[in-house]
Amino acid sequence: MGSLRKVRELALQMLFQWDLGGHSPEHVVSSFLQAQKIDADVERFARALFEGTVAEVEVLDRRVREHAEHWRLERMAAVDRNLLRLALYELLHCPDTPAAVVINEALEIARRYSGKDSVEFINGVLDAIRKALPAANASP
């Protein structure tokens, strides 16, 4: 597993803790990352992805709702909901990472942390979102 996947997994774990635990982002960062033995660059990027996703969660959730037909966000598995948020944040704010890479990484993480049906669901939602993005972000 590359360090970027580790970054994404750490960010997802923090989002999960934030979403279900109801703690402040600051509390999650300090309590979660303190227990990790990771490189400073990995920690910095994981923290940036987590904090950026939390800061824009309302906008991200709106976009996910638009593309997750017949699914309410509250009914989605917590891992899936937070993985969609994280991948969408990265699609919107990390233009140096191709959309196909972001989606593929989300699918690999879903295979590890979620169920088989979740992989197909996440792929469908993220692909629909990718197609709706401006051309610069949507490259395959």
N, C-alpha and C. Protein backbone atom coordinates (compact mmCIF):
# COMPACT_ATOMS: atom_id res chain seq x y z
N MET A 1 0.85 -1.18 0.00
CA MET A 1 0.00 0.00 0.00
C MET A 1 0.89 1.23 0.00
N GLY A 2 0.62 2.12 -0.91
CA GLY A 2 1.39 3.35 -0.98
C GLY A 2 1.01 4.31 0.13
N SER A 3 1.86 5.31 0.31
CA SER A 3 1.60 6.27 1.39
C SER A 3 0.35 7.10 1.12
N LEU A 4 0.00 7.33 -0.16
CA LEU A 4 -1.24 8.08 -0.44
C LEU A 4 -2.47 7.28 -0.05
N ARG A 5 -2.43 5.98 -0.22
CA ARG A 5 -3.57 5.18 0.25
C ARG A 5 -3.65 5.25 1.76
N LYS A 6 -2.50 5.20 2.43
CA LYS A 6 -2.47 5.32 3.90
C LYS A 6 -3.07 6.65 4.33
N VAL A 7 -2.72 7.72 3.61
CA VAL A 7 -3.27 9.05 3.90
C VAL A 7 -4.79 9.01 3.80
N ARG A 8 -5.30 8.45 2.73
CA ARG A 8 -6.74 8.39 2.51
C ARG A 8 -7.43 7.53 3.58
N GLU A 9 -6.81 6.43 3.93
CA GLU A 9 -7.39 5.57 4.96
C GLU A 9 -7.42 6.28 6.31
N LEU A 10 -6.37 6.98 6.65
CA LEU A 10 -6.36 7.74 7.90
C LEU A 10 -7.43 8.82 7.90
N ALA A 11 -7.55 9.54 6.78
CA ALA A 11 -8.58 10.57 6.67
C ALA A 11 -9.97 9.95 6.80
N LEU A 12 -10.18 8.81 6.17
CA LEU A 12 -11.47 8.13 6.27
C LEU A 12 -11.76 7.72 7.72
N GLN A 13 -10.78 7.19 8.39
CA GLN A 13 -10.97 6.77 9.78
C GLN A 13 -11.32 7.96 10.67
N MET A 14 -10.69 9.10 10.42
CA MET A 14 -11.03 10.29 11.19
C MET A 14 -12.44 10.77 10.86
N LEU A 15 -12.81 10.74 9.58
CA LEU A 15 -14.17 11.14 9.19
C LEU A 15 -15.21 10.23 9.85
N PHE A 16 -14.93 8.95 9.88
CA PHE A 16 -15.83 8.00 10.50
C PHE A 16 -16.00 8.32 11.99
N GLN A 17 -14.89 8.56 12.64
CA GLN A 17 -14.92 8.90 14.08
C GLN A 17 -15.67 10.22 14.31
N TRP A 18 -15.42 11.19 13.46
CA TRP A 18 -16.11 12.49 13.57
C TRP A 18 -17.61 12.34 13.35
N ASP A 19 -17.97 11.61 12.29
CA ASP A 19 -19.37 11.44 11.90
C ASP A 19 -20.16 10.70 12.98
N LEU A 20 -19.63 9.61 13.48
CA LEU A 20 -20.37 8.79 14.43
C LEU A 20 -20.18 9.23 15.88
N GLY A 21 -19.02 9.80 16.18
CA GLY A 21 -18.73 10.17 17.56
C GLY A 21 -19.25 11.53 17.97
N GLY A 22 -19.50 12.37 16.98
CA GLY A 22 -20.00 13.71 17.28
C GLY A 22 -18.99 14.63 17.94
N HIS A 23 -17.71 14.29 17.83
CA HIS A 23 -16.66 15.12 18.41
C HIS A 23 -16.25 16.22 17.44
N SER A 24 -15.62 17.25 17.95
CA SER A 24 -15.12 18.32 17.09
C SER A 24 -13.99 17.78 16.23
N PRO A 25 -13.77 18.39 15.06
CA PRO A 25 -12.64 17.96 14.23
C PRO A 25 -11.30 18.05 14.98
N GLU A 26 -11.15 19.07 15.80
CA GLU A 26 -9.91 19.24 16.56
C GLU A 26 -9.69 18.07 17.52
N HIS A 27 -10.76 17.65 18.18
CA HIS A 27 -10.67 16.53 19.11
C HIS A 27 -10.30 15.25 18.36
N VAL A 28 -10.94 15.03 17.22
CA VAL A 28 -10.67 13.82 16.44
C VAL A 28 -9.21 13.80 16.00
N VAL A 29 -8.74 14.93 15.47
CA VAL A 29 -7.34 14.99 15.01
C VAL A 29 -6.39 14.70 16.16
N SER A 30 -6.58 15.37 17.27
CA SER A 30 -5.64 15.21 18.38
C SER A 30 -5.71 13.81 18.97
N SER A 31 -6.89 13.26 19.13
CA SER A 31 -6.98 11.93 19.75
C SER A 31 -6.61 10.82 18.78
N PHE A 32 -6.97 10.95 17.52
CA PHE A 32 -6.68 9.89 16.55
C PHE A 32 -5.22 9.90 16.11
N LEU A 33 -4.74 11.05 15.67
CA LEU A 33 -3.38 11.10 15.13
C LEU A 33 -2.32 10.92 16.20
N GLN A 34 -2.64 11.27 17.42
CA GLN A 34 -1.68 11.10 18.52
C GLN A 34 -1.33 9.62 18.69
N ALA A 35 -2.28 8.75 18.45
CA ALA A 35 -2.07 7.32 18.63
C ALA A 35 -1.35 6.67 17.45
N GLN A 36 -1.20 7.39 16.36
CA GLN A 36 -0.58 6.85 15.15
C GLN A 36 0.92 7.10 15.14
N LYS A 37 1.64 6.17 14.57
CA LYS A 37 3.08 6.37 14.37
C LYS A 37 3.29 6.48 12.86
N ILE A 38 3.19 7.73 12.38
CA ILE A 38 3.25 7.96 10.95
C ILE A 38 4.18 9.11 10.63
N ASP A 39 4.62 9.13 9.41
CA ASP A 39 5.47 10.18 8.88
C ASP A 39 4.74 11.53 8.94
N ALA A 40 5.48 12.59 9.18
CA ALA A 40 4.89 13.93 9.30
C ALA A 40 4.15 14.35 8.03
N ASP A 41 4.67 14.01 6.85
CA ASP A 41 4.00 14.36 5.60
C ASP A 41 2.68 13.62 5.44
N VAL A 42 2.67 12.35 5.82
CA VAL A 42 1.44 11.55 5.77
C VAL A 42 0.41 12.15 6.71
N GLU A 43 0.84 12.48 7.92
CA GLU A 43 -0.07 13.08 8.90
C GLU A 43 -0.62 14.41 8.39
N ARG A 44 0.22 15.23 7.82
CA ARG A 44 -0.18 16.54 7.34
C ARG A 44 -1.24 16.43 6.24
N PHE A 45 -1.01 15.52 5.29
CA PHE A 45 -1.94 15.37 4.17
C PHE A 45 -3.25 14.73 4.65
N ALA A 46 -3.16 13.75 5.53
CA ALA A 46 -4.38 13.12 6.07
C ALA A 46 -5.22 14.15 6.82
N ARG A 47 -4.55 14.97 7.59
CA ARG A 47 -5.24 16.01 8.34
C ARG A 47 -5.89 17.02 7.39
N ALA A 48 -5.18 17.40 6.34
CA ALA A 48 -5.73 18.35 5.36
C ALA A 48 -6.96 17.78 4.66
N LEU A 49 -6.90 16.50 4.28
CA LEU A 49 -8.07 15.88 3.64
C LEU A 49 -9.25 15.82 4.61
N PHE A 50 -8.99 15.40 5.83
CA PHE A 50 -10.04 15.31 6.84
C PHE A 50 -10.66 16.68 7.12
N GLU A 51 -9.82 17.64 7.45
CA GLU A 51 -10.33 18.97 7.81
C GLU A 51 -11.03 19.65 6.63
N GLY A 52 -10.50 19.47 5.43
CA GLY A 52 -11.15 20.05 4.26
C GLY A 52 -12.50 19.42 4.00
N THR A 53 -12.58 18.11 4.16
CA THR A 53 -13.85 17.41 3.96
C THR A 53 -14.88 17.86 4.99
N VAL A 54 -14.48 17.96 6.24
CA VAL A 54 -15.40 18.39 7.30
C VAL A 54 -15.86 19.83 7.04
N ALA A 55 -14.94 20.68 6.63
CA ALA A 55 -15.29 22.08 6.39
C ALA A 55 -16.32 22.24 5.27
N GLU A 56 -16.32 21.32 4.33
CA GLU A 56 -17.23 21.42 3.18
C GLU A 56 -18.31 20.34 3.17
N VAL A 57 -18.53 19.72 4.31
CA VAL A 57 -19.42 18.56 4.35
C VAL A 57 -20.82 18.85 3.81
N GLU A 58 -21.35 20.03 4.04
CA GLU A 58 -22.69 20.34 3.54
C GLU A 58 -22.73 20.38 2.02
N VAL A 59 -21.73 21.00 1.42
CA VAL A 59 -21.64 21.07 -0.04
C VAL A 59 -21.42 19.67 -0.62
N LEU A 60 -20.54 18.93 0.00
CA LEU A 60 -20.24 17.56 -0.47
C LEU A 60 -21.48 16.68 -0.37
N ASP A 61 -22.16 16.77 0.76
CA ASP A 61 -23.36 15.96 0.96
C ASP A 61 -24.44 16.29 -0.08
N ARG A 62 -24.57 17.56 -0.39
CA ARG A 62 -25.55 17.96 -1.41
C ARG A 62 -25.22 17.29 -2.75
N ARG A 63 -23.97 17.31 -3.12
CA ARG A 63 -23.57 16.69 -4.39
C ARG A 63 -23.78 15.18 -4.37
N VAL A 64 -23.44 14.56 -3.26
CA VAL A 64 -23.65 13.11 -3.16
C VAL A 64 -25.14 12.80 -3.28
N ARG A 65 -25.98 13.55 -2.60
CA ARG A 65 -27.44 13.34 -2.69
C ARG A 65 -27.94 13.46 -4.13
N GLU A 66 -27.39 14.42 -4.87
CA GLU A 66 -27.81 14.62 -6.26
C GLU A 66 -27.51 13.40 -7.13
N HIS A 67 -26.45 12.67 -6.81
CA HIS A 67 -26.00 11.58 -7.67
C HIS A 67 -26.24 10.19 -7.11
N ALA A 68 -26.69 10.09 -5.89
CA ALA A 68 -26.99 8.80 -5.27
C ALA A 68 -28.50 8.58 -5.35
N GLU A 69 -28.95 8.20 -6.51
CA GLU A 69 -30.38 8.06 -6.74
C GLU A 69 -31.00 7.06 -5.77
N HIS A 70 -32.13 7.47 -5.20
CA HIS A 70 -32.92 6.63 -4.30
C HIS A 70 -32.20 6.28 -3.00
N TRP A 71 -31.17 7.06 -2.65
CA TRP A 71 -30.45 6.82 -1.39
C TRP A 71 -30.40 8.09 -0.58
N ARG A 72 -30.84 8.00 0.65
CA ARG A 72 -30.67 9.11 1.57
C ARG A 72 -29.32 8.94 2.24
N LEU A 73 -28.65 10.03 2.43
CA LEU A 73 -27.32 10.00 3.05
C LEU A 73 -27.34 9.31 4.41
N GLU A 74 -28.37 9.57 5.17
CA GLU A 74 -28.49 9.01 6.51
C GLU A 74 -28.65 7.50 6.49
N ARG A 75 -29.12 6.95 5.39
CA ARG A 75 -29.35 5.50 5.28
C ARG A 75 -28.14 4.75 4.74
N MET A 76 -27.18 5.48 4.21
CA MET A 76 -25.96 4.85 3.70
C MET A 76 -25.12 4.34 4.87
N ALA A 77 -24.37 3.29 4.61
CA ALA A 77 -23.42 2.82 5.60
C ALA A 77 -22.44 3.96 5.90
N ALA A 78 -22.06 4.11 7.15
CA ALA A 78 -21.19 5.23 7.55
C ALA A 78 -19.87 5.22 6.79
N VAL A 79 -19.31 4.06 6.55
CA VAL A 79 -18.05 3.98 5.79
C VAL A 79 -18.28 4.51 4.39
N ASP A 80 -19.35 4.06 3.75
CA ASP A 80 -19.63 4.48 2.37
C ASP A 80 -19.87 5.99 2.29
N ARG A 81 -20.68 6.50 3.20
CA ARG A 81 -20.99 7.94 3.22
C ARG A 81 -19.71 8.76 3.35
N ASN A 82 -18.84 8.37 4.25
CA ASN A 82 -17.62 9.14 4.49
C ASN A 82 -16.59 8.93 3.39
N LEU A 83 -16.57 7.77 2.81
CA LEU A 83 -15.67 7.54 1.67
C LEU A 83 -16.10 8.37 0.47
N LEU A 84 -17.40 8.48 0.24
CA LEU A 84 -17.90 9.34 -0.84
C LEU A 84 -17.54 10.80 -0.58
N ARG A 85 -17.72 11.25 0.64
CA ARG A 85 -17.36 12.63 0.99
C ARG A 85 -15.88 12.88 0.73
N LEU A 86 -15.05 11.98 1.19
CA LEU A 86 -13.61 12.14 1.06
C LEU A 86 -13.18 12.15 -0.40
N ALA A 87 -13.67 11.19 -1.17
CA ALA A 87 -13.29 11.12 -2.59
C ALA A 87 -13.80 12.35 -3.34
N LEU A 88 -15.00 12.79 -3.04
CA LEU A 88 -15.52 13.99 -3.70
C LEU A 88 -14.69 15.21 -3.34
N TYR A 89 -14.32 15.34 -2.09
CA TYR A 89 -13.47 16.46 -1.70
C TYR A 89 -12.17 16.43 -2.51
N GLU A 90 -11.59 15.25 -2.62
CA GLU A 90 -10.33 15.15 -3.37
C GLU A 90 -10.55 15.44 -4.86
N LEU A 91 -11.65 14.98 -5.42
CA LEU A 91 -11.95 15.28 -6.82
C LEU A 91 -12.04 16.78 -7.06
N LEU A 92 -12.63 17.50 -6.10
CA LEU A 92 -12.84 18.93 -6.26
C LEU A 92 -11.62 19.78 -5.93
N HIS A 93 -10.77 19.31 -5.02
CA HIS A 93 -9.71 20.17 -4.50
C HIS A 93 -8.28 19.67 -4.72
N CYS A 94 -8.12 18.55 -5.36
CA CYS A 94 -6.77 18.04 -5.63
C CYS A 94 -6.64 17.79 -7.13
N PRO A 95 -6.57 18.85 -7.91
CA PRO A 95 -6.59 18.71 -9.37
C PRO A 95 -5.37 17.98 -9.94
N ASP A 96 -4.30 17.87 -9.15
CA ASP A 96 -3.13 17.14 -9.64
C ASP A 96 -3.34 15.63 -9.64
N THR A 97 -4.34 15.18 -8.92
CA THR A 97 -4.65 13.74 -8.89
C THR A 97 -5.77 13.47 -9.89
N PRO A 98 -5.51 12.64 -10.90
CA PRO A 98 -6.56 12.36 -11.89
C PRO A 98 -7.80 11.75 -11.24
N ALA A 99 -8.95 12.08 -11.77
CA ALA A 99 -10.22 11.58 -11.23
C ALA A 99 -10.24 10.05 -11.18
N ALA A 100 -9.70 9.42 -12.21
CA ALA A 100 -9.69 7.95 -12.24
C ALA A 100 -8.89 7.38 -11.07
N VAL A 101 -7.83 8.05 -10.69
CA VAL A 101 -7.01 7.59 -9.56
C VAL A 101 -7.79 7.75 -8.26
N VAL A 102 -8.44 8.88 -8.08
CA VAL A 102 -9.24 9.13 -6.87
C VAL A 102 -10.33 8.06 -6.75
N ILE A 103 -11.02 7.80 -7.84
CA ILE A 103 -12.11 6.81 -7.81
C ILE A 103 -11.56 5.42 -7.55
N ASN A 104 -10.48 5.06 -8.22
CA ASN A 104 -9.88 3.74 -8.01
C ASN A 104 -9.44 3.55 -6.56
N GLU A 105 -8.83 4.57 -5.99
CA GLU A 105 -8.41 4.49 -4.59
C GLU A 105 -9.61 4.33 -3.67
N ALA A 106 -10.69 5.05 -3.94
CA ALA A 106 -11.90 4.93 -3.14
C ALA A 106 -12.45 3.50 -3.22
N LEU A 107 -12.40 2.91 -4.40
CA LEU A 107 -12.89 1.54 -4.57
C LEU A 107 -12.02 0.54 -3.83
N GLU A 108 -10.71 0.73 -3.88
CA GLU A 108 -9.81 -0.17 -3.15
C GLU A 108 -10.03 -0.06 -1.64
N ILE A 109 -10.23 1.14 -1.16
CA ILE A 109 -10.49 1.34 0.27
C ILE A 109 -11.85 0.73 0.64
N ALA A 110 -12.84 0.88 -0.23
CA ALA A 110 -14.15 0.27 0.02
C ALA A 110 -14.04 -1.24 0.09
N ARG A 111 -13.22 -1.83 -0.77
CA ARG A 111 -13.03 -3.28 -0.72
C ARG A 111 -12.47 -3.73 0.63
N ARG A 112 -11.66 -2.88 1.22
CA ARG A 112 -11.03 -3.22 2.50
C ARG A 112 -11.95 -2.96 3.69
N TYR A 113 -12.71 -1.87 3.65
CA TYR A 113 -13.47 -1.44 4.82
C TYR A 113 -14.98 -1.62 4.70
N SER A 114 -15.47 -1.97 3.53
CA SER A 114 -16.91 -2.06 3.34
C SER A 114 -17.24 -3.37 2.63
N GLY A 115 -18.48 -3.50 2.18
CA GLY A 115 -18.92 -4.73 1.54
C GLY A 115 -18.84 -4.70 0.02
N LYS A 116 -19.04 -5.85 -0.59
CA LYS A 116 -18.97 -5.99 -2.04
C LYS A 116 -19.95 -5.06 -2.75
N ASP A 117 -21.17 -5.01 -2.26
CA ASP A 117 -22.18 -4.15 -2.88
C ASP A 117 -21.80 -2.68 -2.77
N SER A 118 -21.08 -2.34 -1.72
CA SER A 118 -20.65 -0.95 -1.52
C SER A 118 -19.70 -0.50 -2.61
N VAL A 119 -18.85 -1.39 -3.06
CA VAL A 119 -17.89 -1.03 -4.10
C VAL A 119 -18.62 -0.60 -5.36
N GLU A 120 -19.63 -1.36 -5.76
CA GLU A 120 -20.40 -1.01 -6.95
C GLU A 120 -21.17 0.30 -6.74
N PHE A 121 -21.74 0.46 -5.57
CA PHE A 121 -22.49 1.68 -5.25
C PHE A 121 -21.58 2.90 -5.30
N ILE A 122 -20.45 2.83 -4.64
CA ILE A 122 -19.49 3.95 -4.60
C ILE A 122 -18.99 4.26 -6.00
N ASN A 123 -18.70 3.24 -6.78
CA ASN A 123 -18.24 3.45 -8.14
C ASN A 123 -19.30 4.18 -8.96
N GLY A 124 -20.55 3.76 -8.85
CA GLY A 124 -21.63 4.41 -9.60
C GLY A 124 -21.81 5.87 -9.22
N VAL A 125 -21.80 6.16 -7.92
CA VAL A 125 -21.99 7.54 -7.47
C VAL A 125 -20.81 8.41 -7.89
N LEU A 126 -19.59 7.93 -7.65
CA LEU A 126 -18.42 8.74 -7.99
C LEU A 126 -18.28 8.93 -9.50
N ASP A 127 -18.62 7.91 -10.28
CA ASP A 127 -18.55 8.07 -11.73
C ASP A 127 -19.58 9.09 -12.22
N ALA A 128 -20.77 9.06 -11.64
CA ALA A 128 -21.79 10.06 -12.02
C ALA A 128 -21.33 11.47 -11.65
N ILE A 129 -20.72 11.60 -10.50
CA ILE A 129 -20.20 12.91 -10.07
C ILE A 129 -19.07 13.35 -11.00
N ARG A 130 -18.18 12.42 -11.33
CA ARG A 130 -17.05 12.74 -12.21
C ARG A 130 -17.55 13.26 -13.56
N LYS A 131 -18.57 12.63 -14.08
CA LYS A 131 -19.12 13.05 -15.37
C LYS A 131 -19.75 14.43 -15.31
N ALA A 132 -20.22 14.83 -14.14
CA ALA A 132 -20.87 16.13 -13.97
C ALA A 132 -19.88 17.25 -13.66
N LEU A 133 -18.63 16.89 -13.38
CA LEU A 133 -17.63 17.92 -13.06
C LEU A 133 -17.16 18.64 -14.32
N PRO A 134 -16.65 19.86 -14.16
CA PRO A 134 -16.04 20.54 -15.30
C PRO A 134 -14.92 19.68 -15.89
N ALA A 135 -14.67 19.85 -17.16
CA ALA A 135 -13.73 18.99 -17.89
C ALA A 135 -12.36 18.88 -17.21
N ALA A 136 -11.84 19.92 -16.61
CA ALA A 136 -10.51 19.87 -16.01
C ALA A 136 -10.45 18.86 -14.87
N ASN A 137 -11.54 18.69 -14.13
CA ASN A 137 -11.56 17.76 -13.00
C ASN A 137 -12.01 16.36 -13.42
N ALA A 138 -12.71 16.25 -14.53
CA ALA A 138 -13.39 15.00 -14.88
C ALA A 138 -12.56 14.08 -15.76
N SER A 139 -11.35 14.41 -16.08
CA SER A 139 -10.57 13.57 -16.98
C SER A 139 -10.49 12.15 -16.46
N PRO A 140 -10.68 11.16 -17.35
CA PRO A 140 -10.69 9.76 -16.92
C PRO A 140 -9.37 9.21 -16.50
